[in-house]
Amino acid sequence: MRRLAASALLLICATPVFAALKPGAAAPAFTAPAYLAGQPYTFDLKASLARGPVVLYFFPAAFTPGCNAEAAAFSQAIDKFKAQGASVVGVTAGNTERLAEFSRDTEKCAGKFPVAADEGAKIARSYDATMTLKPDLSSRTSYVIGKDGKVAFAFDSMNPNLHVRETLAALAAMKTKRAGK
């Protein structure tokens, strides 16, 4: 019952600030402590972009219902992202002490993509991806960042079920645009 009440409170407080970084804006470079399949390392956006586009998704807190569903959706679709030449990283300021566990959980990330800790929501603030009523937490905002380091797509919705579909569509549109040049 306490979990349900906490989840309801999080949803009430989870009013997002709509992503202010628009397509064409420079994506702020960052490094952050991260985990992949429970193993710690330092995530470096610039290094990831050298390999291809990056889907950067912010989520409020590990081990909450919506964030669990979103991580599972990204995990299940990881091969589709790879087919587009993209990598995925999740970033959160919430429950960061549990990210190692979250990253290897077979029902969440399943070790298929890294999750990075954003203590104090500094990275989220640089991306204008914090909640209005809880600015110390990330909103549910996803970005597609091109190899050039510019935002190609931004999507802001508290519905965790839409982010995979929207970012995959954005990657496909980028690929089509490149092919048409």
N, C-alpha and C. Protein backbone atom coordinates (compact mmCIF):
# COMPACT_ATOMS: atom_id res chain seq x y z
N MET A 1 0.82 -1.19 0.00
CA MET A 1 0.00 0.00 0.00
C MET A 1 0.87 1.25 0.00
N ARG A 2 1.98 1.23 0.79
CA ARG A 2 2.87 2.39 0.83
C ARG A 2 3.49 2.63 -0.54
N ARG A 3 3.82 1.54 -1.25
CA ARG A 3 4.39 1.67 -2.59
C ARG A 3 3.41 2.32 -3.54
N LEU A 4 2.14 1.91 -3.46
CA LEU A 4 1.11 2.47 -4.32
C LEU A 4 0.94 3.96 -4.02
N ALA A 5 0.92 4.32 -2.76
CA ALA A 5 0.79 5.73 -2.37
C ALA A 5 1.99 6.53 -2.85
N ALA A 6 3.18 5.96 -2.73
CA ALA A 6 4.39 6.65 -3.19
C ALA A 6 4.36 6.84 -4.70
N SER A 7 3.90 5.82 -5.41
CA SER A 7 3.80 5.92 -6.87
C SER A 7 2.79 6.99 -7.28
N ALA A 8 1.66 7.02 -6.58
CA ALA A 8 0.65 8.03 -6.89
C ALA A 8 1.19 9.43 -6.62
N LEU A 9 1.92 9.60 -5.53
CA LEU A 9 2.51 10.90 -5.21
C LEU A 9 3.52 11.30 -6.27
N LEU A 10 4.32 10.34 -6.72
CA LEU A 10 5.31 10.63 -7.76
C LEU A 10 4.61 11.09 -9.04
N LEU A 11 3.51 10.44 -9.40
CA LEU A 11 2.78 10.84 -10.60
C LEU A 11 2.19 12.23 -10.46
N ILE A 12 1.68 12.55 -9.29
CA ILE A 12 1.13 13.88 -9.05
C ILE A 12 2.22 14.94 -9.16
N CYS A 13 3.38 14.63 -8.62
CA CYS A 13 4.49 15.58 -8.64
C CYS A 13 5.27 15.52 -9.95
N ALA A 14 4.88 14.65 -10.83
CA ALA A 14 5.68 14.38 -12.02
C ALA A 14 5.33 15.25 -13.21
N THR A 15 4.75 16.39 -12.99
CA THR A 15 4.45 17.27 -14.10
C THR A 15 5.76 17.68 -14.76
N PRO A 16 5.94 17.33 -16.03
CA PRO A 16 7.21 17.63 -16.67
C PRO A 16 7.30 19.07 -17.16
N VAL A 17 8.52 19.53 -17.30
CA VAL A 17 8.79 20.75 -18.02
C VAL A 17 9.04 20.28 -19.44
N PHE A 18 8.40 20.89 -20.40
CA PHE A 18 8.59 20.41 -21.76
C PHE A 18 9.99 20.72 -22.24
N ALA A 19 10.57 19.75 -22.92
CA ALA A 19 11.96 19.83 -23.36
C ALA A 19 12.20 21.12 -24.12
N ALA A 20 13.14 21.89 -23.64
CA ALA A 20 13.45 23.16 -24.28
C ALA A 20 14.52 23.02 -25.35
N LEU A 21 15.30 21.96 -25.30
CA LEU A 21 16.31 21.77 -26.35
C LEU A 21 15.58 21.33 -27.61
N LYS A 22 15.71 22.12 -28.61
CA LYS A 22 15.01 21.86 -29.87
C LYS A 22 15.96 21.25 -30.89
N PRO A 23 15.42 20.59 -31.90
CA PRO A 23 16.27 20.07 -32.96
C PRO A 23 17.19 21.17 -33.52
N GLY A 24 18.44 20.79 -33.68
CA GLY A 24 19.45 21.73 -34.16
C GLY A 24 20.31 22.31 -33.05
N ALA A 25 19.81 22.24 -31.81
CA ALA A 25 20.59 22.74 -30.67
C ALA A 25 21.74 21.79 -30.37
N ALA A 26 22.84 22.35 -29.89
CA ALA A 26 23.97 21.52 -29.48
C ALA A 26 23.58 20.75 -28.22
N ALA A 27 23.82 19.46 -28.23
CA ALA A 27 23.55 18.62 -27.05
C ALA A 27 24.69 18.80 -26.07
N PRO A 28 24.40 19.17 -24.83
CA PRO A 28 25.47 19.33 -23.85
C PRO A 28 26.24 18.02 -23.64
N ALA A 29 27.55 18.08 -23.80
CA ALA A 29 28.39 16.91 -23.57
C ALA A 29 28.46 16.64 -22.07
N PHE A 30 28.57 15.38 -21.71
CA PHE A 30 28.69 15.04 -20.29
C PHE A 30 29.34 13.68 -20.13
N THR A 31 29.90 13.47 -18.97
CA THR A 31 30.31 12.14 -18.52
C THR A 31 29.58 11.91 -17.22
N ALA A 32 29.31 10.65 -16.92
CA ALA A 32 28.58 10.34 -15.69
C ALA A 32 28.88 8.91 -15.27
N PRO A 33 28.84 8.65 -13.96
CA PRO A 33 28.97 7.27 -13.50
C PRO A 33 27.78 6.47 -14.02
N ALA A 34 28.06 5.29 -14.55
CA ALA A 34 27.01 4.49 -15.16
C ALA A 34 27.24 3.01 -14.87
N TYR A 35 26.22 2.23 -15.24
CA TYR A 35 26.29 0.78 -15.10
C TYR A 35 25.75 0.14 -16.36
N LEU A 36 26.40 -0.94 -16.75
CA LEU A 36 25.93 -1.77 -17.85
C LEU A 36 25.99 -3.20 -17.34
N ALA A 37 24.85 -3.84 -17.28
CA ALA A 37 24.76 -5.21 -16.75
C ALA A 37 25.38 -5.31 -15.36
N GLY A 38 25.20 -4.28 -14.56
CA GLY A 38 25.69 -4.26 -13.19
C GLY A 38 27.13 -3.84 -13.02
N GLN A 39 27.84 -3.66 -14.14
CA GLN A 39 29.26 -3.30 -14.07
C GLN A 39 29.42 -1.78 -14.17
N PRO A 40 30.16 -1.18 -13.23
CA PRO A 40 30.34 0.27 -13.25
C PRO A 40 31.33 0.72 -14.32
N TYR A 41 31.09 1.87 -14.89
CA TYR A 41 32.02 2.52 -15.81
C TYR A 41 31.60 3.98 -15.93
N THR A 42 32.34 4.75 -16.68
CA THR A 42 31.99 6.14 -16.89
C THR A 42 31.42 6.29 -18.29
N PHE A 43 30.17 6.72 -18.37
CA PHE A 43 29.54 6.98 -19.67
C PHE A 43 30.04 8.33 -20.17
N ASP A 44 30.41 8.38 -21.44
CA ASP A 44 30.91 9.61 -22.06
C ASP A 44 30.10 9.83 -23.35
N LEU A 45 29.28 10.86 -23.35
CA LEU A 45 28.43 11.12 -24.52
C LEU A 45 29.26 11.33 -25.78
N LYS A 46 30.31 12.12 -25.68
CA LYS A 46 31.13 12.41 -26.86
C LYS A 46 31.70 11.12 -27.46
N ALA A 47 32.18 10.23 -26.63
CA ALA A 47 32.73 8.96 -27.11
C ALA A 47 31.63 8.11 -27.75
N SER A 48 30.44 8.12 -27.19
CA SER A 48 29.33 7.35 -27.75
C SER A 48 28.90 7.91 -29.10
N LEU A 49 28.91 9.24 -29.23
CA LEU A 49 28.53 9.86 -30.50
C LEU A 49 29.52 9.55 -31.61
N ALA A 50 30.76 9.28 -31.26
CA ALA A 50 31.77 8.93 -32.26
C ALA A 50 31.40 7.63 -32.98
N ARG A 51 30.58 6.81 -32.32
CA ARG A 51 30.16 5.53 -32.90
C ARG A 51 28.82 5.62 -33.63
N GLY A 52 28.07 6.71 -33.42
CA GLY A 52 26.78 6.86 -34.08
C GLY A 52 25.82 7.65 -33.23
N PRO A 53 24.58 7.81 -33.71
CA PRO A 53 23.58 8.57 -32.95
C PRO A 53 23.33 7.94 -31.58
N VAL A 54 22.92 8.77 -30.64
CA VAL A 54 22.64 8.32 -29.28
C VAL A 54 21.20 8.69 -28.93
N VAL A 55 20.46 7.72 -28.42
CA VAL A 55 19.15 7.98 -27.84
C VAL A 55 19.39 8.16 -26.35
N LEU A 56 19.21 9.37 -25.89
CA LEU A 56 19.39 9.73 -24.49
C LEU A 56 18.01 9.90 -23.89
N TYR A 57 17.68 9.01 -22.96
CA TYR A 57 16.36 9.16 -22.34
C TYR A 57 16.52 9.38 -20.85
N PHE A 58 15.81 10.39 -20.37
CA PHE A 58 15.78 10.72 -18.95
C PHE A 58 14.56 10.06 -18.34
N PHE A 59 14.74 9.53 -17.13
CA PHE A 59 13.62 8.94 -16.42
C PHE A 59 13.69 9.35 -14.95
N PRO A 60 12.53 9.48 -14.28
CA PRO A 60 12.52 10.02 -12.92
C PRO A 60 13.29 9.21 -11.88
N ALA A 61 13.07 7.90 -11.81
CA ALA A 61 13.72 7.12 -10.75
C ALA A 61 13.68 5.63 -11.05
N ALA A 62 14.79 4.96 -10.80
CA ALA A 62 14.86 3.52 -10.98
C ALA A 62 13.89 2.83 -10.03
N PHE A 63 13.37 1.72 -10.47
CA PHE A 63 12.46 0.88 -9.69
C PHE A 63 11.16 1.59 -9.30
N THR A 64 10.63 2.37 -10.23
CA THR A 64 9.28 2.91 -10.09
C THR A 64 8.48 2.36 -11.28
N PRO A 65 7.18 2.22 -11.17
CA PRO A 65 6.41 1.52 -12.21
C PRO A 65 6.62 2.04 -13.64
N GLY A 66 6.49 3.34 -13.84
CA GLY A 66 6.65 3.88 -15.20
C GLY A 66 8.06 3.73 -15.72
N CYS A 67 9.03 3.93 -14.86
CA CYS A 67 10.43 3.81 -15.27
C CYS A 67 10.80 2.36 -15.55
N ASN A 68 10.23 1.44 -14.79
CA ASN A 68 10.45 0.02 -15.06
C ASN A 68 9.90 -0.34 -16.45
N ALA A 69 8.69 0.13 -16.74
CA ALA A 69 8.06 -0.16 -18.04
C ALA A 69 8.87 0.45 -19.18
N GLU A 70 9.34 1.67 -19.00
CA GLU A 70 10.11 2.33 -20.05
C GLU A 70 11.44 1.62 -20.30
N ALA A 71 12.14 1.26 -19.24
CA ALA A 71 13.41 0.54 -19.39
C ALA A 71 13.20 -0.80 -20.08
N ALA A 72 12.14 -1.50 -19.71
CA ALA A 72 11.84 -2.78 -20.34
C ALA A 72 11.56 -2.59 -21.83
N ALA A 73 10.84 -1.53 -22.17
CA ALA A 73 10.53 -1.27 -23.59
C ALA A 73 11.80 -0.98 -24.38
N PHE A 74 12.70 -0.17 -23.82
CA PHE A 74 13.97 0.09 -24.51
C PHE A 74 14.78 -1.20 -24.63
N SER A 75 14.79 -2.01 -23.58
CA SER A 75 15.53 -3.27 -23.60
C SER A 75 15.00 -4.20 -24.69
N GLN A 76 13.68 -4.32 -24.77
CA GLN A 76 13.07 -5.21 -25.76
C GLN A 76 13.31 -4.73 -27.19
N ALA A 77 13.50 -3.42 -27.37
CA ALA A 77 13.69 -2.85 -28.71
C ALA A 77 15.15 -2.58 -29.05
N ILE A 78 16.08 -3.00 -28.20
CA ILE A 78 17.49 -2.62 -28.39
C ILE A 78 18.02 -3.04 -29.76
N ASP A 79 17.61 -4.18 -30.27
CA ASP A 79 18.09 -4.61 -31.59
C ASP A 79 17.61 -3.67 -32.70
N LYS A 80 16.43 -3.10 -32.54
CA LYS A 80 15.93 -2.13 -33.52
C LYS A 80 16.77 -0.85 -33.49
N PHE A 81 17.20 -0.44 -32.31
CA PHE A 81 18.06 0.74 -32.21
C PHE A 81 19.41 0.45 -32.84
N LYS A 82 19.96 -0.72 -32.55
CA LYS A 82 21.25 -1.10 -33.13
C LYS A 82 21.16 -1.16 -34.66
N ALA A 83 20.04 -1.65 -35.18
CA ALA A 83 19.86 -1.72 -36.63
C ALA A 83 19.87 -0.32 -37.26
N GLN A 84 19.51 0.68 -36.49
CA GLN A 84 19.55 2.07 -36.95
C GLN A 84 20.92 2.70 -36.71
N GLY A 85 21.84 1.92 -36.13
CA GLY A 85 23.19 2.43 -35.85
C GLY A 85 23.28 3.27 -34.59
N ALA A 86 22.26 3.19 -33.75
CA ALA A 86 22.18 4.04 -32.56
C ALA A 86 22.43 3.24 -31.29
N SER A 87 22.92 3.96 -30.29
CA SER A 87 23.02 3.39 -28.94
C SER A 87 22.01 4.09 -28.05
N VAL A 88 21.72 3.49 -26.91
CA VAL A 88 20.73 4.00 -25.96
C VAL A 88 21.40 4.15 -24.61
N VAL A 89 21.08 5.23 -23.91
CA VAL A 89 21.50 5.41 -22.52
C VAL A 89 20.34 6.04 -21.75
N GLY A 90 20.08 5.50 -20.57
CA GLY A 90 19.09 6.08 -19.67
C GLY A 90 19.81 6.88 -18.60
N VAL A 91 19.24 8.01 -18.22
CA VAL A 91 19.86 8.87 -17.20
C VAL A 91 18.80 9.24 -16.17
N THR A 92 19.17 9.13 -14.89
CA THR A 92 18.23 9.46 -13.82
C THR A 92 18.94 10.07 -12.62
N ALA A 93 18.19 10.89 -11.91
CA ALA A 93 18.67 11.44 -10.64
C ALA A 93 18.01 10.71 -9.47
N GLY A 94 17.07 9.82 -9.75
CA GLY A 94 16.31 9.14 -8.70
C GLY A 94 16.78 7.73 -8.44
N ASN A 95 16.93 7.37 -7.19
CA ASN A 95 17.35 6.03 -6.76
C ASN A 95 18.67 5.61 -7.39
N THR A 96 19.61 6.53 -7.49
CA THR A 96 20.88 6.25 -8.16
C THR A 96 21.69 5.18 -7.43
N GLU A 97 21.46 5.02 -6.14
CA GLU A 97 22.19 3.99 -5.39
C GLU A 97 21.79 2.58 -5.81
N ARG A 98 20.72 2.47 -6.59
CA ARG A 98 20.23 1.16 -7.04
C ARG A 98 20.43 0.93 -8.54
N LEU A 99 21.20 1.80 -9.20
CA LEU A 99 21.35 1.68 -10.65
C LEU A 99 22.08 0.41 -11.08
N ALA A 100 23.05 -0.05 -10.31
CA ALA A 100 23.74 -1.29 -10.68
C ALA A 100 22.73 -2.43 -10.77
N GLU A 101 21.90 -2.53 -9.76
CA GLU A 101 20.86 -3.57 -9.72
C GLU A 101 19.85 -3.37 -10.85
N PHE A 102 19.43 -2.12 -11.08
CA PHE A 102 18.47 -1.80 -12.13
C PHE A 102 19.03 -2.18 -13.50
N SER A 103 20.32 -1.95 -13.72
CA SER A 103 20.92 -2.19 -15.03
C SER A 103 21.01 -3.67 -15.39
N ARG A 104 21.03 -4.53 -14.40
CA ARG A 104 21.13 -5.96 -14.71
C ARG A 104 19.80 -6.69 -14.51
N ASP A 105 18.79 -6.02 -13.98
CA ASP A 105 17.49 -6.64 -13.74
C ASP A 105 16.91 -7.16 -15.05
N THR A 106 16.56 -8.44 -15.09
CA THR A 106 16.08 -9.07 -16.33
C THR A 106 14.75 -8.52 -16.80
N GLU A 107 13.99 -7.86 -15.94
CA GLU A 107 12.72 -7.28 -16.34
C GLU A 107 12.83 -5.79 -16.65
N LYS A 108 14.01 -5.21 -16.44
CA LYS A 108 14.21 -3.78 -16.73
C LYS A 108 15.20 -3.66 -17.88
N CYS A 109 16.37 -3.19 -17.63
CA CYS A 109 17.39 -2.99 -18.67
C CYS A 109 17.94 -4.29 -19.22
N ALA A 110 17.95 -5.30 -18.39
CA ALA A 110 18.45 -6.63 -18.78
C ALA A 110 19.88 -6.58 -19.30
N GLY A 111 20.65 -5.60 -18.86
CA GLY A 111 22.04 -5.49 -19.26
C GLY A 111 22.24 -5.10 -20.71
N LYS A 112 21.20 -4.60 -21.37
CA LYS A 112 21.29 -4.31 -22.80
C LYS A 112 21.71 -2.89 -23.13
N PHE A 113 21.61 -1.98 -22.17
CA PHE A 113 22.05 -0.60 -22.39
C PHE A 113 22.43 -0.02 -21.03
N PRO A 114 23.28 1.01 -21.04
CA PRO A 114 23.70 1.59 -19.77
C PRO A 114 22.67 2.54 -19.17
N VAL A 115 22.74 2.67 -17.86
CA VAL A 115 21.99 3.69 -17.14
C VAL A 115 23.01 4.51 -16.34
N ALA A 116 22.84 5.82 -16.39
CA ALA A 116 23.80 6.73 -15.77
C ALA A 116 23.16 7.50 -14.63
N ALA A 117 23.97 7.75 -13.61
CA ALA A 117 23.52 8.49 -12.42
C ALA A 117 23.71 9.98 -12.65
N ASP A 118 22.68 10.73 -12.34
CA ASP A 118 22.69 12.18 -12.50
C ASP A 118 22.43 12.83 -11.14
N GLU A 119 23.42 12.74 -10.27
CA GLU A 119 23.25 13.29 -8.91
C GLU A 119 22.93 14.78 -8.99
N GLY A 120 21.88 15.17 -8.30
CA GLY A 120 21.46 16.57 -8.28
C GLY A 120 20.79 17.03 -9.56
N ALA A 121 20.52 16.12 -10.48
CA ALA A 121 19.84 16.41 -11.75
C ALA A 121 20.58 17.47 -12.58
N LYS A 122 21.90 17.51 -12.47
CA LYS A 122 22.68 18.50 -13.22
C LYS A 122 22.60 18.26 -14.73
N ILE A 123 22.71 17.01 -15.14
CA ILE A 123 22.63 16.70 -16.57
C ILE A 123 21.22 17.01 -17.07
N ALA A 124 20.22 16.58 -16.32
CA ALA A 124 18.83 16.84 -16.71
C ALA A 124 18.58 18.34 -16.86
N ARG A 125 19.11 19.14 -15.96
CA ARG A 125 18.94 20.59 -16.06
C ARG A 125 19.58 21.12 -17.34
N SER A 126 20.75 20.61 -17.70
CA SER A 126 21.42 21.10 -18.90
C SER A 126 20.63 20.74 -20.16
N TYR A 127 19.77 19.73 -20.06
CA TYR A 127 18.91 19.32 -21.17
C TYR A 127 17.48 19.82 -21.00
N ASP A 128 17.24 20.65 -20.01
CA ASP A 128 15.89 21.13 -19.72
C ASP A 128 14.92 19.98 -19.57
N ALA A 129 15.33 18.99 -18.78
CA ALA A 129 14.54 17.77 -18.62
C ALA A 129 14.32 17.46 -17.14
N THR A 130 13.80 18.45 -16.41
CA THR A 130 13.47 18.22 -15.00
C THR A 130 11.97 18.45 -14.80
N MET A 131 11.46 17.89 -13.72
CA MET A 131 10.04 18.05 -13.40
C MET A 131 9.80 19.43 -12.81
N THR A 132 8.65 19.97 -13.09
CA THR A 132 8.29 21.29 -12.59
C THR A 132 8.22 21.31 -11.07
N LEU A 133 7.49 20.37 -10.50
CA LEU A 133 7.28 20.37 -9.05
C LEU A 133 8.37 19.63 -8.28
N LYS A 134 9.19 18.88 -8.98
CA LYS A 134 10.29 18.13 -8.35
C LYS A 134 11.54 18.32 -9.20
N PRO A 135 12.11 19.54 -9.21
CA PRO A 135 13.24 19.82 -10.10
C PRO A 135 14.51 19.03 -9.78
N ASP A 136 14.50 18.28 -8.68
CA ASP A 136 15.64 17.42 -8.37
C ASP A 136 15.51 16.05 -9.05
N LEU A 137 14.43 15.86 -9.81
CA LEU A 137 14.23 14.62 -10.57
C LEU A 137 14.10 14.93 -12.06
N SER A 138 14.53 13.98 -12.85
CA SER A 138 14.40 14.09 -14.31
C SER A 138 12.94 13.95 -14.70
N SER A 139 12.56 14.64 -15.75
CA SER A 139 11.26 14.37 -16.35
C SER A 139 11.45 13.15 -17.26
N ARG A 140 10.39 12.71 -17.86
CA ARG A 140 10.48 11.60 -18.81
C ARG A 140 10.63 12.23 -20.20
N THR A 141 11.87 12.47 -20.57
CA THR A 141 12.19 13.17 -21.81
C THR A 141 13.23 12.37 -22.57
N SER A 142 13.03 12.23 -23.86
CA SER A 142 13.97 11.50 -24.71
C SER A 142 14.49 12.40 -25.82
N TYR A 143 15.76 12.21 -26.10
CA TYR A 143 16.41 12.94 -27.18
C TYR A 143 17.08 11.95 -28.11
N VAL A 144 17.09 12.28 -29.39
CA VAL A 144 17.94 11.60 -30.36
C VAL A 144 19.00 12.63 -30.72
N ILE A 145 20.24 12.24 -30.50
CA ILE A 145 21.37 13.14 -30.76
C ILE A 145 22.16 12.55 -31.92
N GLY A 146 22.35 13.36 -32.96
CA GLY A 146 23.09 12.91 -34.14
C GLY A 146 24.58 12.85 -33.88
N LYS A 147 25.29 12.17 -34.76
CA LYS A 147 26.75 12.05 -34.64
C LYS A 147 27.42 13.41 -34.57
N ASP A 148 26.77 14.43 -35.13
CA ASP A 148 27.31 15.79 -35.12
C ASP A 148 27.17 16.48 -33.77
N GLY A 149 26.55 15.79 -32.80
CA GLY A 149 26.39 16.36 -31.47
C GLY A 149 25.20 17.30 -31.35
N LYS A 150 24.34 17.31 -32.34
CA LYS A 150 23.16 18.18 -32.30
C LYS A 150 21.90 17.36 -32.05
N VAL A 151 20.97 18.00 -31.35
CA VAL A 151 19.69 17.37 -31.09
C VAL A 151 18.96 17.21 -32.41
N ALA A 152 18.59 16.00 -32.73
CA ALA A 152 17.82 15.72 -33.94
C ALA A 152 16.34 15.60 -33.63
N PHE A 153 16.03 15.24 -32.37
CA PHE A 153 14.65 14.99 -31.98
C PHE A 153 14.54 15.09 -30.47
N ALA A 154 13.44 15.66 -30.00
CA ALA A 154 13.15 15.73 -28.57
C ALA A 154 11.70 15.32 -28.35
N PHE A 155 11.47 14.53 -27.31
CA PHE A 155 10.12 14.07 -27.00
C PHE A 155 9.93 14.08 -25.50
N ASP A 156 8.86 14.69 -25.04
CA ASP A 156 8.58 14.83 -23.62
C ASP A 156 7.17 14.35 -23.33
N SER A 157 7.06 13.25 -22.60
CA SER A 157 5.76 12.71 -22.22
C SER A 157 5.95 11.82 -21.00
N MET A 158 5.05 11.93 -20.04
CA MET A 158 5.13 11.07 -18.88
C MET A 158 4.64 9.66 -19.19
N ASN A 159 4.08 9.44 -20.38
CA ASN A 159 3.66 8.10 -20.78
C ASN A 159 4.90 7.31 -21.18
N PRO A 160 5.32 6.33 -20.39
CA PRO A 160 6.55 5.59 -20.69
C PRO A 160 6.46 4.71 -21.93
N ASN A 161 5.27 4.47 -22.41
CA ASN A 161 5.08 3.56 -23.54
C ASN A 161 5.32 4.21 -24.90
N LEU A 162 5.51 5.52 -24.94
CA LEU A 162 5.62 6.20 -26.22
C LEU A 162 7.06 6.47 -26.65
N HIS A 163 8.00 6.47 -25.74
CA HIS A 163 9.36 6.92 -26.03
C HIS A 163 10.11 6.03 -27.03
N VAL A 164 9.96 4.75 -26.93
CA VAL A 164 10.64 3.85 -27.86
C VAL A 164 10.12 4.09 -29.27
N ARG A 165 8.81 4.09 -29.42
CA ARG A 165 8.20 4.30 -30.76
C ARG A 165 8.65 5.62 -31.37
N GLU A 166 8.60 6.69 -30.58
CA GLU A 166 8.93 8.01 -31.10
C GLU A 166 10.41 8.15 -31.46
N THR A 167 11.29 7.60 -30.64
CA THR A 167 12.72 7.73 -30.94
C THR A 167 13.12 6.83 -32.12
N LEU A 168 12.52 5.66 -32.23
CA LEU A 168 12.79 4.82 -33.40
C LEU A 168 12.33 5.50 -34.68
N ALA A 169 11.16 6.14 -34.64
CA ALA A 169 10.66 6.86 -35.81
C ALA A 169 11.60 8.01 -36.18
N ALA A 170 12.11 8.70 -35.18
CA ALA A 170 13.05 9.80 -35.44
C ALA A 170 14.34 9.29 -36.07
N LEU A 171 14.84 8.16 -35.58
CA LEU A 171 16.05 7.58 -36.17
C LEU A 171 15.80 7.16 -37.62
N ALA A 172 14.65 6.57 -37.90
CA ALA A 172 14.32 6.17 -39.26
C ALA A 172 14.24 7.39 -40.17
N ALA A 173 13.65 8.48 -39.68
CA ALA A 173 13.55 9.71 -40.46
C ALA A 173 14.95 10.28 -40.73
N MET A 174 15.84 10.21 -39.74
CA MET A 174 17.22 10.68 -39.95
C MET A 174 17.89 9.87 -41.05
N LYS A 175 17.69 8.56 -41.01
CA LYS A 175 18.31 7.67 -41.99
C LYS A 175 17.77 7.97 -43.39
N THR A 176 16.47 8.18 -43.51
CA THR A 176 15.85 8.51 -44.78
C THR A 176 16.38 9.83 -45.31
N LYS A 177 16.51 10.80 -44.42
CA LYS A 177 17.01 12.12 -44.82
C LYS A 177 18.44 12.02 -45.33
N ARG A 178 19.28 11.23 -44.62
CA ARG A 178 20.67 11.04 -45.06
C ARG A 178 20.74 10.34 -46.42
N ALA A 179 19.85 9.36 -46.63
CA ALA A 179 19.84 8.62 -47.88
C ALA A 179 19.39 9.49 -49.05
N GLY A 180 18.56 10.47 -48.75
CA GLY A 180 18.04 11.36 -49.79
C GLY A 180 19.00 12.45 -50.21
N LYS A 181 20.08 12.63 -49.48
CA LYS A 181 21.05 13.69 -49.82
C LYS A 181 21.90 13.32 -50.99
